[in-house]
Amino acid sequence: MTNFTDLESNWRIEKIERVVMKGERRRLAGCNARLGVHGKEVSFPLLRITIGGIAGYGWSNITREAAEALIGATVNEIFSEEQWIQDRFLKIQFPLFDWLGNVRKTPVYELLTNKQWTTQLSVPCYDTSLYFDDLHLSSEADAVRLLQEEAMQGYNEGFRGFKIKVGRGAMHMDLMEGTKRDIAIVNGIRDVVGPDCNISIDANNGYNLNLTKHVLKETAQSNLLWMEEAFHEDDRLYRNLKEWLAEQKLDVLITDGEGLAAGPIVEWAEQGLIDAIQYDLKDYGVVNWLKLSDRLAKSGVKAAPHNYGGFYGNFASAQVYPAIQGFMFVEWDQAEIPGIDTSGYSIKDGKIAVSSAPGFGLHIDAANYENKVRENGWVV
């Protein structure tokens, strides 16, 4: 952990500003097993805090009323040697980490690890953009070709890991026709990206136990890395699935935990029923993830924080990667938002070269931000 003796004790939260930043993905994202078209637009709430005349930016869903209650708080009240940031301020932890990085002129990954990098940090990632973009196509062969083209778009952008949405038969297609298409698309993508890329599938709880087994058996040739959210977490079903995977000699990991996860999911993971936990990085937060990863590491459970629909989470995940034990891959949802310069980050050969600029390494156009606050944001 760290101490905060370098901070001026009389520094206080002077101002908190919030606006929703909007941008676009490189292409429209289609349906998944339980939702309709996700679209091309992305947005996220960007908070700016000012303490001691220094600004920090970061994702936060805090309300205006809750933010008002934090104005005037001192750095001694905010920061904690035990857990970085006191519970009362966790709603604004991302801008606080960015602020601290700006004060100390160091990136978040060096803050959290208390280590200096002599070379640029590079962390593994995967392309999370392969949705049901094929539902308008009646031909399975055409659907496979479309998703192959999308996968190769990611490959040509530097990705060497891919997560494919499955579960077309849960709502959008006939059960067996949709499941058959799931299988064809997974195997088709493996054919074009080659044997060395990581491929995982995510059913968004759209399968049941038997469908999961059927799909994993029919995609065995594709050597899947993990099966995500096969069905809503259930210890009996996951125990059965784990036993079946061992019988079939299929080395596929079971991952789960985003969204409304079952209460005992961590305990089930510690029992060997789930291989990696996927609580969303933004919602669960850095502080909680640091604590959880220490616990998970004791039983060999991995971390794979969820980040779809999270432009900001791309960069936050890359920065906190070295500090979270067992962090497997950053989930990358490619998009661009005017007013945010992300050029400190790049992707090559399946890895993110992480910005070494202070804080989270994102350069925010302050004038653009202030205009947006005036137009549709708030200030306290």
Protein backbone atom coordinates (compact mmCIF):
# COMPACT_ATOMS: atom_id res chain seq x y z
CA MET A 1 0.00 0.00 0.00
CA THR A 2 1.04 3.59 -0.09
CA ASN A 3 1.11 6.58 2.22
CA PHE A 4 -0.19 10.04 1.42
CA THR A 5 2.21 12.25 3.35
CA ASP A 6 3.15 13.99 0.08
CA LEU A 7 -0.34 15.52 -0.20
CA GLU A 8 -1.12 18.94 1.25
CA SER A 9 -3.42 18.36 4.23
CA ASN A 10 -5.38 21.52 3.50
CA TRP A 11 -6.29 20.43 -0.03
CA ARG A 12 -10.03 19.92 -0.39
CA ILE A 13 -12.50 18.91 -3.07
CA GLU A 14 -13.27 22.29 -4.58
CA LYS A 15 -15.45 21.37 -7.52
CA ILE A 16 -17.07 18.33 -9.14
CA GLU A 17 -18.35 18.45 -12.74
CA ARG A 18 -20.13 15.78 -14.73
CA VAL A 19 -21.14 15.33 -18.36
CA VAL A 20 -22.10 12.41 -20.59
CA MET A 21 -19.49 11.98 -23.33
CA LYS A 22 -20.69 10.44 -26.61
CA GLY A 23 -18.93 8.80 -29.53
CA GLU A 24 -19.11 5.84 -31.91
CA ARG A 25 -17.87 2.32 -32.38
CA ARG A 26 -16.11 1.44 -35.63
CA ARG A 27 -19.26 -0.42 -36.70
CA LEU A 28 -22.77 -1.05 -35.42
CA ALA A 29 -23.02 -3.79 -32.79
CA GLY A 30 -25.91 -6.20 -33.17
CA CYS A 31 -27.95 -8.28 -30.75
CA ASN A 32 -26.90 -10.77 -28.11
CA ALA A 33 -28.87 -13.68 -26.64
CA ARG A 34 -31.14 -11.48 -24.53
CA LEU A 35 -31.01 -7.95 -25.98
CA GLY A 36 -31.69 -6.21 -29.27
CA VAL A 37 -29.28 -4.19 -31.39
CA HIS A 38 -26.66 -2.45 -29.25
CA GLY A 39 -25.99 0.17 -31.91
CA LYS A 40 -23.01 2.25 -32.91
CA GLU A 41 -23.19 5.03 -30.33
CA VAL A 42 -21.29 4.75 -27.06
CA SER A 43 -21.55 7.06 -24.08
CA PHE A 44 -20.29 7.29 -20.54
CA PRO A 45 -20.45 9.75 -17.61
CA LEU A 46 -17.14 11.61 -17.26
CA LEU A 47 -16.49 13.34 -13.96
CA ARG A 48 -13.90 16.04 -13.34
CA ILE A 49 -12.85 16.73 -9.78
CA THR A 50 -10.67 19.64 -8.73
CA ILE A 51 -8.57 19.37 -5.56
CA GLY A 52 -5.87 21.90 -4.72
CA GLY A 53 -6.32 23.45 -8.14
CA ILE A 54 -5.43 20.14 -9.85
CA ALA A 55 -7.98 18.21 -11.96
CA GLY A 56 -8.63 14.51 -12.27
CA TYR A 57 -10.99 12.91 -14.81
CA GLY A 58 -12.75 9.56 -14.66
CA TRP A 59 -15.91 7.51 -15.06
CA SER A 60 -18.51 7.95 -12.32
CA ASN A 61 -22.25 7.43 -12.01
CA ILE A 62 -22.54 9.58 -8.87
CA THR A 63 -25.62 11.77 -8.60
CA ARG A 64 -25.45 15.53 -8.24
CA GLU A 65 -26.88 15.32 -4.72
CA ALA A 66 -24.29 12.77 -3.62
CA ALA A 67 -21.51 14.85 -5.18
CA GLU A 68 -22.63 17.96 -3.28
CA ALA A 69 -22.10 16.08 -0.02
CA LEU A 70 -18.42 15.52 -0.90
CA ILE A 71 -17.51 19.15 -1.57
CA GLY A 72 -15.02 20.40 1.00
CA ALA A 73 -13.70 16.98 1.97
CA THR A 74 -9.96 17.01 2.65
CA VAL A 75 -7.37 14.64 1.19
CA ASN A 76 -6.92 13.22 4.70
CA GLU A 77 -10.58 12.22 4.67
CA ILE A 78 -10.46 10.83 1.12
CA PHE A 79 -7.38 8.66 0.98
CA SER A 80 -6.67 5.54 3.01
CA GLU A 81 -3.43 3.64 3.53
CA GLU A 82 -5.47 0.44 3.94
CA GLN A 83 -7.50 0.59 0.73
CA TRP A 84 -6.36 3.68 -1.20
CA ILE A 85 -9.75 5.44 -1.04
CA GLN A 86 -12.23 5.51 1.84
CA ASP A 87 -15.63 3.90 1.29
CA ARG A 88 -17.46 7.24 1.30
CA PHE A 89 -15.57 8.32 -1.83
CA LEU A 90 -15.62 5.10 -3.87
CA LYS A 91 -18.27 6.51 -6.22
CA ILE A 92 -15.59 8.90 -7.51
CA GLN A 93 -12.60 6.57 -7.27
CA PHE A 94 -11.67 6.71 -10.96
CA PRO A 95 -11.25 10.51 -11.10
CA LEU A 96 -9.51 10.33 -7.71
CA PHE A 97 -6.94 7.84 -9.00
CA ASP A 98 -6.45 10.03 -12.06
CA TRP A 99 -6.00 13.08 -9.81
CA LEU A 100 -3.46 11.27 -7.65
CA GLY A 101 -1.54 10.21 -10.74
CA ASN A 102 -1.52 13.81 -11.95
CA VAL A 103 -0.25 15.06 -8.59
CA ARG A 104 2.52 12.48 -8.49
CA LYS A 105 3.16 12.68 -12.25
CA THR A 106 2.89 8.93 -12.59
CA PRO A 107 0.54 6.48 -14.39
CA VAL A 108 -2.05 4.59 -12.39
CA TYR A 109 -0.29 1.26 -12.94
CA GLU A 110 2.82 2.56 -11.19
CA LEU A 111 0.70 4.03 -8.39
CA LEU A 112 -1.08 0.75 -7.72
CA THR A 113 1.98 -1.49 -7.95
CA ASN A 114 4.46 0.88 -6.31
CA LYS A 115 6.85 -0.05 -9.09
CA GLN A 116 8.54 1.88 -11.87
CA TRP A 117 8.58 0.49 -15.40
CA THR A 118 11.76 0.95 -17.43
CA THR A 119 9.98 -0.13 -20.64
CA GLN A 120 6.43 0.50 -21.82
CA LEU A 121 3.83 -1.63 -20.11
CA SER A 122 2.07 -4.05 -22.47
CA VAL A 123 -0.98 -6.14 -21.46
CA PRO A 124 -3.06 -8.78 -23.28
CA CYS A 125 -6.52 -7.98 -24.63
CA TYR A 126 -9.32 -9.34 -26.78
CA ASP A 127 -11.78 -7.89 -29.29
CA THR A 128 -15.30 -8.03 -27.83
CA SER A 129 -17.18 -6.77 -30.89
CA LEU A 130 -18.46 -10.00 -32.50
CA TYR A 131 -22.23 -9.74 -31.97
CA PHE A 132 -25.27 -11.10 -33.82
CA ASP A 133 -24.71 -8.92 -36.87
CA ASP A 134 -26.00 -11.66 -39.16
CA LEU A 135 -29.66 -12.01 -38.21
CA HIS A 136 -30.81 -10.39 -41.45
CA LEU A 137 -29.12 -13.19 -43.42
CA SER A 138 -31.07 -16.35 -44.20
CA SER A 139 -27.99 -18.24 -45.34
CA GLU A 140 -25.75 -19.78 -42.70
CA ALA A 141 -22.81 -19.61 -45.10
CA ASP A 142 -23.35 -15.86 -45.59
CA ALA A 143 -23.60 -15.39 -41.83
CA VAL A 144 -20.30 -17.19 -41.29
CA ARG A 145 -18.61 -15.09 -43.97
CA LEU A 146 -19.85 -11.85 -42.39
CA LEU A 147 -18.55 -12.74 -38.94
CA GLN A 148 -15.29 -13.97 -40.42
CA GLU A 149 -14.87 -10.56 -42.07
CA GLU A 150 -15.56 -8.81 -38.77
CA ALA A 151 -13.07 -11.02 -36.95
CA MET A 152 -10.44 -10.27 -39.56
CA GLN A 153 -11.11 -6.55 -39.16
CA GLY A 154 -10.09 -6.98 -35.53
CA TYR A 155 -7.14 -9.17 -36.49
CA ASN A 156 -5.88 -6.50 -38.89
CA GLU A 157 -6.20 -3.92 -36.11
CA GLY A 158 -3.83 -5.97 -33.97
CA PHE A 159 -6.14 -8.21 -31.91
CA ARG A 160 -5.15 -11.83 -31.33
CA GLY A 161 -8.02 -12.68 -28.99
CA PHE A 162 -11.75 -12.67 -29.79
CA LYS A 163 -14.96 -13.14 -27.84
CA ILE A 164 -17.92 -14.33 -29.90
CA LYS A 165 -21.52 -13.83 -28.82
CA VAL A 166 -23.61 -17.01 -29.05
CA GLY A 167 -27.15 -17.96 -28.12
CA ARG A 168 -28.98 -17.01 -31.30
CA GLY A 169 -31.61 -19.65 -30.58
CA ALA A 170 -32.51 -18.20 -27.19
CA MET A 171 -34.71 -15.43 -28.63
CA HIS A 172 -33.79 -14.25 -32.13
CA MET A 173 -33.83 -17.50 -34.13
CA ASP A 174 -35.34 -20.98 -34.02
CA LEU A 175 -33.61 -22.86 -31.21
CA MET A 176 -31.80 -25.50 -33.24
CA GLU A 177 -31.21 -23.32 -36.31
CA GLY A 178 -29.72 -20.59 -34.13
CA THR A 179 -27.56 -23.05 -32.19
CA LYS A 180 -26.33 -24.60 -35.43
CA ARG A 181 -25.40 -21.13 -36.68
CA ASP A 182 -23.57 -20.38 -33.42
CA ILE A 183 -21.41 -23.45 -33.96
CA ALA A 184 -20.73 -22.71 -37.62
CA ILE A 185 -19.68 -19.13 -36.85
CA VAL A 186 -17.34 -20.13 -34.02
CA ASN A 187 -15.62 -22.77 -36.13
CA GLY A 188 -15.57 -20.42 -39.13
CA ILE A 189 -13.84 -17.69 -37.17
CA ARG A 190 -11.25 -20.16 -35.94
CA ASP A 191 -10.58 -21.10 -39.56
CA VAL A 192 -9.69 -17.52 -40.56
CA VAL A 193 -7.85 -16.25 -37.48
CA GLY A 194 -5.68 -19.35 -37.26
CA PRO A 195 -4.73 -21.66 -34.39
CA ASP A 196 -2.75 -19.21 -32.26
CA CYS A 197 -5.48 -16.70 -31.36
CA ASN A 198 -7.57 -17.02 -28.21
CA ILE A 199 -11.27 -17.56 -28.91
CA SER A 200 -13.96 -17.45 -26.24
CA ILE A 201 -17.74 -17.55 -26.45
CA ASP A 202 -20.39 -15.72 -24.43
CA ALA A 203 -24.01 -16.92 -24.31
CA ASN A 204 -25.37 -14.14 -22.04
CA ASN A 205 -27.28 -16.84 -20.14
CA GLY A 206 -28.98 -17.94 -23.38
CA TYR A 207 -28.10 -21.64 -23.11
CA ASN A 208 -29.12 -24.38 -20.72
CA LEU A 209 -26.81 -27.15 -19.53
CA ASN A 210 -27.45 -29.53 -22.42
CA LEU A 211 -27.16 -26.84 -25.08
CA THR A 212 -23.86 -25.76 -23.53
CA LYS A 213 -22.51 -29.29 -23.73
CA HIS A 214 -23.70 -29.65 -27.33
CA VAL A 215 -22.06 -26.41 -28.45
CA LEU A 216 -18.79 -27.12 -26.63
CA LYS A 217 -18.62 -30.58 -28.16
CA GLU A 218 -19.33 -29.30 -31.67
CA THR A 219 -16.72 -26.52 -31.32
CA ALA A 220 -14.05 -28.74 -29.74
CA GLN A 221 -11.95 -28.36 -32.91
CA SER A 222 -11.75 -24.62 -32.24
CA ASN A 223 -10.00 -25.01 -28.87
CA LEU A 224 -12.03 -22.43 -27.00
CA LEU A 225 -10.41 -20.55 -24.14
CA TRP A 226 -13.55 -19.97 -22.11
CA MET A 227 -17.33 -20.33 -22.00
CA GLU A 228 -18.87 -17.17 -20.53
CA GLU A 229 -22.34 -16.91 -18.97
CA ALA A 230 -23.59 -20.19 -20.36
CA PHE A 231 -26.66 -19.92 -18.11
CA HIS A 232 -27.42 -18.02 -14.93
CA GLU A 233 -24.96 -19.12 -12.25
CA ASP A 234 -26.08 -22.37 -10.64
CA ASP A 235 -23.67 -24.48 -8.60
CA ARG A 236 -25.36 -27.79 -9.41
CA LEU A 237 -25.32 -27.14 -13.14
CA TYR A 238 -21.74 -25.86 -13.13
CA ARG A 239 -20.60 -28.89 -11.13
CA ASN A 240 -22.25 -31.13 -13.73
CA LEU A 241 -20.65 -29.15 -16.57
CA LYS A 242 -17.21 -29.30 -14.96
CA GLU A 243 -17.48 -33.08 -14.58
CA TRP A 244 -18.58 -33.43 -18.19
CA LEU A 245 -15.71 -31.27 -19.47
CA ALA A 246 -13.26 -33.52 -17.61
CA GLU A 247 -14.85 -36.65 -19.09
CA GLN A 248 -14.68 -35.16 -22.59
CA LYS A 249 -11.10 -33.96 -22.02
CA LEU A 250 -12.15 -30.45 -23.07
CA ASP A 251 -9.91 -27.77 -21.60
CA VAL A 252 -12.44 -24.91 -21.64
CA LEU A 253 -12.60 -22.45 -18.73
CA ILE A 254 -15.90 -21.43 -17.15
CA THR A 255 -16.27 -17.67 -16.57
CA ASP A 256 -19.17 -15.73 -15.09
CA GLY A 257 -20.16 -12.85 -12.86
CA GLU A 258 -21.11 -9.76 -14.87
CA GLY A 259 -24.48 -8.15 -14.34
CA LEU A 260 -26.79 -9.53 -11.64
CA ALA A 261 -24.47 -12.28 -10.49
CA ALA A 262 -25.51 -14.88 -7.93
CA GLY A 263 -24.53 -13.99 -4.37
CA PRO A 264 -22.36 -17.08 -3.69
CA ILE A 265 -20.47 -16.92 -7.02
CA VAL A 266 -17.09 -16.28 -5.42
CA GLU A 267 -17.55 -19.20 -3.04
CA TRP A 268 -18.51 -21.41 -6.00
CA ALA A 269 -15.38 -20.28 -7.81
CA GLU A 270 -13.29 -21.15 -4.76
CA GLN A 271 -14.87 -24.61 -4.88
CA GLY A 272 -13.55 -25.03 -8.43
CA LEU A 273 -16.86 -24.58 -10.27
CA ILE A 274 -15.96 -21.29 -11.99
CA ASP A 275 -12.48 -20.50 -13.29
CA ALA A 276 -12.64 -16.71 -13.59
CA ILE A 277 -14.83 -13.98 -12.07
CA GLN A 278 -16.08 -11.18 -14.32
CA TYR A 279 -17.50 -8.41 -12.16
CA ASP A 280 -17.58 -5.20 -14.21
CA LEU A 281 -14.48 -3.09 -13.56
CA LYS A 282 -16.34 0.24 -13.43
CA ASP A 283 -19.31 -0.82 -11.33
CA TYR A 284 -17.35 -3.05 -8.93
CA GLY A 285 -14.45 -0.64 -8.85
CA VAL A 286 -10.69 -0.79 -8.60
CA VAL A 287 -10.60 -0.89 -4.79
CA ASN A 288 -12.97 -3.87 -4.57
CA TRP A 289 -11.15 -5.65 -7.39
CA LEU A 290 -7.81 -5.29 -5.62
CA LYS A 291 -9.29 -6.89 -2.51
CA LEU A 292 -11.11 -9.61 -4.44
CA SER A 293 -8.11 -10.60 -6.55
CA ASP A 294 -6.05 -11.19 -3.41
CA ARG A 295 -8.77 -13.53 -2.19
CA LEU A 296 -9.23 -15.31 -5.54
CA ALA A 297 -5.51 -15.88 -5.96
CA LYS A 298 -5.46 -18.09 -2.85
CA SER A 299 -7.58 -20.68 -4.67
CA GLY A 300 -6.18 -20.09 -8.16
CA VAL A 301 -9.29 -18.36 -9.51
CA LYS A 302 -8.59 -15.88 -12.31
CA ALA A 303 -9.89 -12.36 -12.91
CA ALA A 304 -11.50 -11.30 -16.20
CA PRO A 305 -13.35 -8.03 -15.48
CA HIS A 306 -16.28 -7.26 -17.77
CA ASN A 307 -16.05 -4.11 -19.89
CA TYR A 308 -18.45 -4.25 -22.85
CA GLY A 309 -20.03 -0.89 -23.61
CA GLY A 310 -17.26 0.72 -21.64
CA PHE A 311 -15.07 3.02 -23.70
CA TYR A 312 -13.46 4.29 -20.51
CA GLY A 313 -13.03 0.77 -19.19
CA ASN A 314 -10.69 -0.09 -22.07
CA PHE A 315 -8.05 2.22 -20.66
CA ALA A 316 -8.84 1.83 -16.97
CA SER A 317 -8.59 -1.95 -17.30
CA ALA A 318 -5.21 -1.71 -19.02
CA GLN A 319 -3.90 0.57 -16.26
CA VAL A 320 -5.04 -1.62 -13.36
CA TYR A 321 -4.06 -4.91 -15.04
CA PRO A 322 -0.68 -5.31 -13.28
CA ALA A 323 -2.19 -4.67 -9.85
CA ILE A 324 -4.98 -7.29 -10.06
CA GLN A 325 -3.69 -10.78 -9.46
CA GLY A 326 -4.72 -13.32 -12.09
CA PHE A 327 -6.04 -10.70 -14.57
CA MET A 328 -6.30 -12.67 -17.82
CA PHE A 329 -7.25 -10.26 -20.62
CA VAL A 330 -8.59 -6.73 -21.01
CA GLU A 331 -11.99 -6.76 -22.72
CA TRP A 332 -11.63 -4.10 -25.43
CA ASP A 333 -14.67 -2.36 -26.94
CA GLN A 334 -13.18 -0.24 -29.73
CA ALA A 335 -14.69 3.24 -30.10
CA GLU A 336 -13.76 6.89 -30.43
CA ILE A 337 -15.13 9.86 -28.51
CA PRO A 338 -14.46 13.44 -29.66
CA GLY A 339 -12.57 15.43 -27.07
CA ILE A 340 -10.67 12.45 -25.66
CA ASP A 341 -7.19 11.74 -27.06
CA THR A 342 -6.33 8.06 -26.64
CA SER A 343 -3.16 8.13 -28.74
CA GLY A 344 -1.07 7.04 -25.76
CA TYR A 345 -2.54 3.56 -26.25
CA SER A 346 -2.06 1.19 -29.18
CA ILE A 347 -2.79 -2.46 -29.96
CA LYS A 348 -0.37 -4.81 -31.67
CA ASP A 349 -0.02 -8.59 -31.69
CA GLY A 350 -2.79 -9.01 -29.16
CA LYS A 351 -1.41 -6.60 -26.59
CA ILE A 352 -2.15 -3.04 -25.50
CA ALA A 353 0.80 -0.70 -25.24
CA VAL A 354 -0.31 1.28 -22.18
CA SER A 355 0.10 5.03 -21.86
CA SER A 356 2.77 6.10 -19.36
CA ALA A 357 1.28 9.59 -19.04
CA PRO A 358 0.07 10.56 -15.54
CA GLY A 359 -3.18 9.11 -14.23
CA PHE A 360 -5.14 7.01 -16.71
CA GLY A 361 -3.19 8.46 -19.65
CA LEU A 362 -6.18 10.00 -21.42
CA HIS A 363 -5.84 13.57 -22.65
CA ILE A 364 -9.16 15.38 -22.19
CA ASP A 365 -9.78 18.54 -24.21
CA ALA A 366 -10.64 20.84 -21.29
CA ALA A 367 -12.37 23.49 -23.42
CA ASN A 368 -14.54 20.85 -25.12
CA TYR A 369 -15.36 19.31 -21.74
CA GLU A 370 -16.36 22.66 -20.25
CA ASN A 371 -18.60 23.43 -23.23
CA LYS A 372 -20.38 20.11 -22.78
CA VAL A 373 -20.83 20.74 -19.06
CA ARG A 374 -22.50 24.06 -19.87
CA GLU A 375 -24.73 22.41 -22.49
CA ASN A 376 -25.99 19.36 -20.65
CA GLY A 377 -23.90 18.63 -17.56
CA TRP A 378 -23.77 19.81 -13.97
CA VAL A 379 -21.33 21.44 -11.57
CA VAL A 380 -21.21 21.47 -7.76
